[in-house]
Amino acid sequence: MPIGRAHVLAASVLFIAFVIESWEQLALVYVADSLGSAFHIGQGRVGWALSAVAPGMIPGFAGVGPDLGPDRPTE
């Protein structure tokens, strides 16, 4: 199958989503010290809280990701 306009568009959207998600993770690292100070917790607990972001996305993916609707015919 040749790479078409839809493939390039999908790849571009996924790349932009990846960049945004990476930027959010980087922002969390920059505010980690302030976060620890505000909640009176140490660096270890802040690390656990920040690492919980990724597994926390699994329920949303599992509930929204599967295609539960009827299949539509394609050409």
PDB file of N, CA and C in Angstrom:
ATOM      1  N   MET A   1       0.847  -1.161   0.000  1.00  0.00           N
ATOM      2  CA  MET A   1       0.000   0.000   0.000  1.00  0.00           C
ATOM      3  C   MET A   1       0.905   1.241   0.000  1.00  0.00           C
ATOM      4  N   PRO A   2       0.708   2.136  -0.940  1.00  0.00           N
ATOM      5  CA  PRO A   2       1.530   3.340  -0.979  1.00  0.00           C
ATOM      6  C   PRO A   2       1.142   4.306   0.148  1.00  0.00           C
ATOM      7  N   ILE A   3       2.112   5.079   0.558  1.00  0.00           N
ATOM      8  CA  ILE A   3       1.854   6.080   1.593  1.00  0.00           C
ATOM      9  C   ILE A   3       1.127   7.251   0.959  1.00  0.00           C
ATOM     10  N   GLY A   4      -0.044   7.527   1.474  1.00  0.00           N
ATOM     11  CA  GLY A   4      -0.876   8.592   0.919  1.00  0.00           C
ATOM     12  C   GLY A   4      -0.997   9.775   1.862  1.00  0.00           C
ATOM     13  N   ARG A   5      -1.862  10.688   1.473  1.00  0.00           N
ATOM     14  CA  ARG A   5      -2.075  11.910   2.248  1.00  0.00           C
ATOM     15  C   ARG A   5      -2.623  11.591   3.642  1.00  0.00           C
ATOM     16  N   ALA A   6      -3.501  10.604   3.741  1.00  0.00           N
ATOM     17  CA  ALA A   6      -4.073  10.224   5.036  1.00  0.00           C
ATOM     18  C   ALA A   6      -2.996   9.698   5.986  1.00  0.00           C
ATOM     19  N   HIS A   7      -2.025   8.960   5.451  1.00  0.00           N
ATOM     20  CA  HIS A   7      -0.939   8.449   6.284  1.00  0.00           C
ATOM     21  C   HIS A   7      -0.088   9.588   6.833  1.00  0.00           C
ATOM     22  N   VAL A   8       0.226  10.537   5.976  1.00  0.00           N
ATOM     23  CA  VAL A   8       1.040  11.680   6.400  1.00  0.00           C
ATOM     24  C   VAL A   8       0.290  12.493   7.447  1.00  0.00           C
ATOM     25  N   LEU A   9      -1.005  12.684   7.245  1.00  0.00           N
ATOM     26  CA  LEU A   9      -1.816  13.429   8.203  1.00  0.00           C
ATOM     27  C   LEU A   9      -1.868  12.702   9.546  1.00  0.00           C
ATOM     28  N   ALA A  10      -2.091  11.398   9.523  1.00  0.00           N
ATOM     29  CA  ALA A  10      -2.142  10.622  10.764  1.00  0.00           C
ATOM     30  C   ALA A  10      -0.801  10.663  11.490  1.00  0.00           C
ATOM     31  N   ALA A  11       0.283  10.526  10.761  1.00  0.00           N
ATOM     32  CA  ALA A  11       1.610  10.583  11.371  1.00  0.00           C
ATOM     33  C   ALA A  11       1.872  11.954  11.972  1.00  0.00           C
ATOM     34  N   SER A  12       1.443  13.001  11.302  1.00  0.00           N
ATOM     35  CA  SER A  12       1.627  14.361  11.816  1.00  0.00           C
ATOM     36  C   SER A  12       0.841  14.579  13.101  1.00  0.00           C
ATOM     37  N   VAL A  13      -0.395  14.119  13.126  1.00  0.00           N
ATOM     38  CA  VAL A  13      -1.228  14.273  14.325  1.00  0.00           C
ATOM     39  C   VAL A  13      -0.630  13.495  15.496  1.00  0.00           C
ATOM     40  N   LEU A  14      -0.182  12.271  15.252  1.00  0.00           N
ATOM     41  CA  LEU A  14       0.426  11.477  16.315  1.00  0.00           C
ATOM     42  C   LEU A  14       1.719  12.110  16.817  1.00  0.00           C
ATOM     43  N   PHE A  15       2.506  12.674  15.911  1.00  0.00           N
ATOM     44  CA  PHE A  15       3.743  13.333  16.315  1.00  0.00           C
ATOM     45  C   PHE A  15       3.445  14.538  17.193  1.00  0.00           C
ATOM     46  N   ILE A  16       2.470  15.346  16.799  1.00  0.00           N
ATOM     47  CA  ILE A  16       2.114  16.530  17.586  1.00  0.00           C
ATOM     48  C   ILE A  16       1.589  16.110  18.960  1.00  0.00           C
ATOM     49  N   ALA A  17       0.770  15.064  19.012  1.00  0.00           N
ATOM     50  CA  ALA A  17       0.264  14.574  20.296  1.00  0.00           C
ATOM     51  C   ALA A  17       1.414  14.094  21.181  1.00  0.00           C
ATOM     52  N   PHE A  18       2.397  13.427  20.586  1.00  0.00           N
ATOM     53  CA  PHE A  18       3.558  12.965  21.342  1.00  0.00           C
ATOM     54  C   PHE A  18       4.350  14.141  21.892  1.00  0.00           C
ATOM     55  N   VAL A  19       4.540  15.177  21.087  1.00  0.00           N
ATOM     56  CA  VAL A  19       5.284  16.358  21.535  1.00  0.00           C
ATOM     57  C   VAL A  19       4.562  17.034  22.695  1.00  0.00           C
ATOM     58  N   ILE A  20       3.235  17.176  22.587  1.00  0.00           N
ATOM     59  CA  ILE A  20       2.468  17.807  23.662  1.00  0.00           C
ATOM     60  C   ILE A  20       2.566  16.988  24.944  1.00  0.00           C
ATOM     61  N   GLU A  21       2.433  15.685  24.844  1.00  0.00           N
ATOM     62  CA  GLU A  21       2.515  14.827  26.030  1.00  0.00           C
ATOM     63  C   GLU A  21       3.906  14.888  26.649  1.00  0.00           C
ATOM     64  N   SER A  22       4.937  14.909  25.828  1.00  0.00           N
ATOM     65  CA  SER A  22       6.302  15.013  26.343  1.00  0.00           C
ATOM     66  C   SER A  22       6.513  16.343  27.046  1.00  0.00           C
ATOM     67  N   TRP A  23       5.949  17.403  26.489  1.00  0.00           N
ATOM     68  CA  TRP A  23       6.081  18.730  27.092  1.00  0.00           C
ATOM     69  C   TRP A  23       5.403  18.763  28.459  1.00  0.00           C
ATOM     70  N   GLU A  24       4.242  18.104  28.578  1.00  0.00           N
ATOM     71  CA  GLU A  24       3.547  18.046  29.865  1.00  0.00           C
ATOM     72  C   GLU A  24       4.400  17.319  30.902  1.00  0.00           C
ATOM     73  N   GLN A  25       5.021  16.226  30.509  1.00  0.00           N
ATOM     74  CA  GLN A  25       5.876  15.492  31.440  1.00  0.00           C
ATOM     75  C   GLN A  25       7.074  16.339  31.859  1.00  0.00           C
ATOM     76  N   LEU A  26       7.647  17.076  30.924  1.00  0.00           N
ATOM     77  CA  LEU A  26       8.776  17.941  31.236  1.00  0.00           C
ATOM     78  C   LEU A  26       8.356  19.042  32.198  1.00  0.00           C
ATOM     79  N   ALA A  27       7.173  19.598  32.000  1.00  0.00           N
ATOM     80  CA  ALA A  27       6.672  20.642  32.897  1.00  0.00           C
ATOM     81  C   ALA A  27       6.511  20.097  34.314  1.00  0.00           C
ATOM     82  N   LEU A  28       6.063  18.858  34.448  1.00  0.00           N
ATOM     83  CA  LEU A  28       5.923  18.262  35.779  1.00  0.00           C
ATOM     84  C   LEU A  28       7.272  18.135  36.475  1.00  0.00           C
ATOM     85  N   VAL A  29       8.302  17.834  35.721  1.00  0.00           N
ATOM     86  CA  VAL A  29       9.636  17.727  36.307  1.00  0.00           C
ATOM     87  C   VAL A  29      10.104  19.088  36.812  1.00  0.00           C
ATOM     88  N   TYR A  30       9.798  20.144  36.070  1.00  0.00           N
ATOM     89  CA  TYR A  30      10.205  21.485  36.490  1.00  0.00           C
ATOM     90  C   TYR A  30       9.493  21.940  37.761  1.00  0.00           C
ATOM     91  N   VAL A  31       8.275  21.511  37.989  1.00  0.00           N
ATOM     92  CA  VAL A  31       7.528  21.941  39.176  1.00  0.00           C
ATOM     93  C   VAL A  31       7.604  20.919  40.311  1.00  0.00           C
ATOM     94  N   ALA A  32       8.403  19.891  40.164  1.00  0.00           N
ATOM     95  CA  ALA A  32       8.466  18.825  41.166  1.00  0.00           C
ATOM     96  C   ALA A  32       8.885  19.353  42.536  1.00  0.00           C
ATOM     97  N   ASP A  33       9.868  20.237  42.605  1.00  0.00           N
ATOM     98  CA  ASP A  33      10.304  20.772  43.898  1.00  0.00           C
ATOM     99  C   ASP A  33       9.191  21.569  44.571  1.00  0.00           C
ATOM    100  N   SER A  34       8.514  22.401  43.798  1.00  0.00           N
ATOM    101  CA  SER A  34       7.405  23.183  44.355  1.00  0.00           C
ATOM    102  C   SER A  34       6.265  22.275  44.796  1.00  0.00           C
ATOM    103  N   LEU A  35       6.029  21.232  44.032  1.00  0.00           N
ATOM    104  CA  LEU A  35       4.978  20.276  44.371  1.00  0.00           C
ATOM    105  C   LEU A  35       5.289  19.592  45.699  1.00  0.00           C
ATOM    106  N   GLY A  36       6.526  19.178  45.865  1.00  0.00           N
ATOM    107  CA  GLY A  36       6.931  18.544  47.119  1.00  0.00           C
ATOM    108  C   GLY A  36       6.827  19.484  48.300  1.00  0.00           C
ATOM    109  N   SER A  37       7.213  20.733  48.098  1.00  0.00           N
ATOM    110  CA  SER A  37       7.120  21.719  49.176  1.00  0.00           C
ATOM    111  C   SER A  37       5.671  22.009  49.545  1.00  0.00           C
ATOM    112  N   ALA A  38       4.819  22.132  48.550  1.00  0.00           N
ATOM    113  CA  ALA A  38       3.413  22.467  48.802  1.00  0.00           C
ATOM    114  C   ALA A  38       2.695  21.360  49.569  1.00  0.00           C
ATOM    115  N   PHE A  39       3.025  20.112  49.275  1.00  0.00           N
ATOM    116  CA  PHE A  39       2.348  18.993  49.935  1.00  0.00           C
ATOM    117  C   PHE A  39       3.178  18.384  51.068  1.00  0.00           C
ATOM    118  N   HIS A  40       4.338  18.984  51.359  1.00  0.00           N
ATOM    119  CA  HIS A  40       5.218  18.528  52.439  1.00  0.00           C
ATOM    120  C   HIS A  40       5.583  17.054  52.274  1.00  0.00           C
ATOM    121  N   ILE A  41       6.032  16.703  51.079  1.00  0.00           N
ATOM    122  CA  ILE A  41       6.471  15.336  50.808  1.00  0.00           C
ATOM    123  C   ILE A  41       7.871  15.383  50.211  1.00  0.00           C
ATOM    124  N   GLY A  42       8.590  14.290  50.334  1.00  0.00           N
ATOM    125  CA  GLY A  42       9.954  14.219  49.841  1.00  0.00           C
ATOM    126  C   GLY A  42      10.026  13.934  48.345  1.00  0.00           C
ATOM    127  N   GLN A  43      11.266  13.948  47.845  1.00  0.00           N
ATOM    128  CA  GLN A  43      11.478  13.731  46.417  1.00  0.00           C
ATOM    129  C   GLN A  43      11.036  12.341  45.976  1.00  0.00           C
ATOM    130  N   GLY A  44      11.208  11.363  46.840  1.00  0.00           N
ATOM    131  CA  GLY A  44      10.802  10.004  46.491  1.00  0.00           C
ATOM    132  C   GLY A  44       9.307   9.894  46.248  1.00  0.00           C
ATOM    133  N   ARG A  45       8.535  10.524  47.116  1.00  0.00           N
ATOM    134  CA  ARG A  45       7.075  10.479  46.946  1.00  0.00           C
ATOM    135  C   ARG A  45       6.632  11.306  45.747  1.00  0.00           C
ATOM    136  N   VAL A  46       7.320  12.402  45.481  1.00  0.00           N
ATOM    137  CA  VAL A  46       7.001  13.182  44.279  1.00  0.00           C
ATOM    138  C   VAL A  46       7.281  12.334  43.040  1.00  0.00           C
ATOM    139  N   GLY A  47       8.380  11.592  43.061  1.00  0.00           N
ATOM    140  CA  GLY A  47       8.701  10.704  41.940  1.00  0.00           C
ATOM    141  C   GLY A  47       7.629   9.655  41.720  1.00  0.00           C
ATOM    142  N   TRP A  48       7.138   9.073  42.817  1.00  0.00           N
ATOM    143  CA  TRP A  48       6.054   8.087  42.693  1.00  0.00           C
ATOM    144  C   TRP A  48       4.802   8.732  42.112  1.00  0.00           C
ATOM    145  N   ALA A  49       4.497   9.944  42.558  1.00  0.00           N
ATOM    146  CA  ALA A  49       3.300  10.631  42.051  1.00  0.00           C
ATOM    147  C   ALA A  49       3.436  10.926  40.560  1.00  0.00           C
ATOM    148  N   LEU A  50       4.614  11.377  40.145  1.00  0.00           N
ATOM    149  CA  LEU A  50       4.815  11.691  38.728  1.00  0.00           C
ATOM    150  C   LEU A  50       4.831  10.428  37.873  1.00  0.00           C
ATOM    151  N   SER A  51       5.346   9.337  38.420  1.00  0.00           N
ATOM    152  CA  SER A  51       5.376   8.097  37.639  1.00  0.00           C
ATOM    153  C   SER A  51       3.994   7.454  37.556  1.00  0.00           C
ATOM    154  N   ALA A  52       3.074   7.861  38.410  1.00  0.00           N
ATOM    155  CA  ALA A  52       1.717   7.308  38.380  1.00  0.00           C
ATOM    156  C   ALA A  52       0.892   7.877  37.235  1.00  0.00           C
ATOM    157  N   VAL A  53       1.408   8.881  36.548  1.00  0.00           N
ATOM    158  CA  VAL A  53       0.666   9.489  35.437  1.00  0.00           C
ATOM    159  C   VAL A  53       0.441   8.468  34.324  1.00  0.00           C
ATOM    160  N   ALA A  54       1.486   7.747  33.941  1.00  0.00           N
ATOM    161  CA  ALA A  54       1.363   6.806  32.822  1.00  0.00           C
ATOM    162  C   ALA A  54       0.393   5.657  33.126  1.00  0.00           C
ATOM    163  N   PRO A  55       0.526   4.942  34.249  1.00  0.00           N
ATOM    164  CA  PRO A  55      -0.463   3.893  34.528  1.00  0.00           C
ATOM    165  C   PRO A  55      -1.873   4.450  34.732  1.00  0.00           C
ATOM    166  N   GLY A  56      -1.964   5.703  35.131  1.00  0.00           N
ATOM    167  CA  GLY A  56      -3.276   6.311  35.302  1.00  0.00           C
ATOM    168  C   GLY A  56      -4.008   6.518  33.996  1.00  0.00           C
ATOM    169  N   MET A  57      -3.289   6.507  32.894  1.00  0.00           N
ATOM    170  CA  MET A  57      -3.920   6.668  31.585  1.00  0.00           C
ATOM    171  C   MET A  57      -4.534   5.361  31.079  1.00  0.00           C
ATOM    172  N   ILE A  58      -4.147   4.243  31.640  1.00  0.00           N
ATOM    173  CA  ILE A  58      -4.620   2.944  31.153  1.00  0.00           C
ATOM    174  C   ILE A  58      -6.135   2.788  31.253  1.00  0.00           C
ATOM    175  N   PRO A  59      -6.768   3.143  32.380  1.00  0.00           N
ATOM    176  CA  PRO A  59      -8.234   2.992  32.418  1.00  0.00           C
ATOM    177  C   PRO A  59      -8.944   3.814  31.340  1.00  0.00           C
ATOM    178  N   GLY A  60      -8.456   5.005  31.078  1.00  0.00           N
ATOM    179  CA  GLY A  60      -9.064   5.815  30.026  1.00  0.00           C
ATOM    180  C   GLY A  60      -8.885   5.191  28.657  1.00  0.00           C
ATOM    181  N   PHE A  61      -7.714   4.657  28.413  1.00  0.00           N
ATOM    182  CA  PHE A  61      -7.459   4.005  27.134  1.00  0.00           C
ATOM    183  C   PHE A  61      -8.310   2.749  26.984  1.00  0.00           C
ATOM    184  N   ALA A  62      -8.396   1.974  28.050  1.00  0.00           N
ATOM    185  CA  ALA A  62      -9.141   0.717  27.980  1.00  0.00           C
ATOM    186  C   ALA A  62     -10.633   0.962  27.792  1.00  0.00           C
ATOM    187  N   GLY A  63     -11.133   2.069  28.327  1.00  0.00           N
ATOM    188  CA  GLY A  63     -12.552   2.356  28.202  1.00  0.00           C
ATOM    189  C   GLY A  63     -12.923   3.052  26.923  1.00  0.00           C
ATOM    190  N   VAL A  64     -12.021   3.846  26.390  1.00  0.00           N
ATOM    191  CA  VAL A  64     -12.316   4.646  25.204  1.00  0.00           C
ATOM    192  C   VAL A  64     -11.683   4.044  23.955  1.00  0.00           C
ATOM    193  N   GLY A  65     -10.545   3.396  24.104  1.00  0.00           N
ATOM    194  CA  GLY A  65      -9.800   2.910  22.957  1.00  0.00           C
ATOM    195  C   GLY A  65     -10.463   1.831  22.127  1.00  0.00           C
ATOM    196  N   PRO A  66     -11.080   0.825  22.749  1.00  0.00           N
ATOM    197  CA  PRO A  66     -11.660  -0.251  21.935  1.00  0.00           C
ATOM    198  C   PRO A  66     -12.818   0.243  21.073  1.00  0.00           C
ATOM    199  N   ASP A  67     -12.881  -0.274  19.883  1.00  0.00           N
ATOM    200  CA  ASP A  67     -13.976   0.062  18.975  1.00  0.00           C
ATOM    201  C   ASP A  67     -15.156  -0.831  19.322  1.00  0.00           C
ATOM    202  N   LEU A  68     -16.150  -0.257  19.983  1.00  0.00           N
ATOM    203  CA  LEU A  68     -17.288  -1.047  20.439  1.00  0.00           C
ATOM    204  C   LEU A  68     -18.481  -0.958  19.497  1.00  0.00           C
ATOM    205  N   GLY A  69     -18.403  -0.069  18.528  1.00  0.00           N
ATOM    206  CA  GLY A  69     -19.521   0.111  17.610  1.00  0.00           C
ATOM    207  C   GLY A  69     -19.488  -0.882  16.474  1.00  0.00           C
ATOM    208  N   PRO A  70     -20.545  -0.893  15.675  1.00  0.00           N
ATOM    209  CA  PRO A  70     -20.572  -1.810  14.525  1.00  0.00           C
ATOM    210  C   PRO A  70     -19.551  -1.387  13.467  1.00  0.00           C
ATOM    211  N   ASP A  71     -19.025  -2.367  12.786  1.00  0.00           N
ATOM    212  CA  ASP A  71     -18.060  -2.084  11.724  1.00  0.00           C
ATOM    213  C   ASP A  71     -18.775  -1.479  10.521  1.00  0.00           C
ATOM    214  N   ARG A  72     -18.115  -0.501   9.928  1.00  0.00           N
ATOM    215  CA  ARG A  72     -18.668   0.115   8.721  1.00  0.00           C
ATOM    216  C   ARG A  72     -17.913  -0.429   7.515  1.00  0.00           C
ATOM    217  N   PRO A  73     -18.592  -0.636   6.425  1.00  0.00           N
ATOM    218  CA  PRO A  73     -17.896  -1.127   5.232  1.00  0.00           C
ATOM    219  C   PRO A  73     -16.931  -0.069   4.701  1.00  0.00           C
ATOM    220  N   THR A  74     -15.803  -0.523   4.218  1.00  0.00           N
ATOM    221  CA  THR A  74     -14.827   0.381   3.615  1.00  0.00           C
ATOM    222  C   THR A  74     -14.680   0.041   2.143  1.00  0.00           C
ATOM    223  N   GLU A  75     -14.182   0.990   1.424  1.00  0.00           N
ATOM    224  CA  GLU A  75     -14.011   0.771  -0.019  1.00  0.00           C
ATOM    225  C   GLU A  75     -12.602   0.371  -0.332  1.00  0.00           C
TER     226      GLU A  75
END
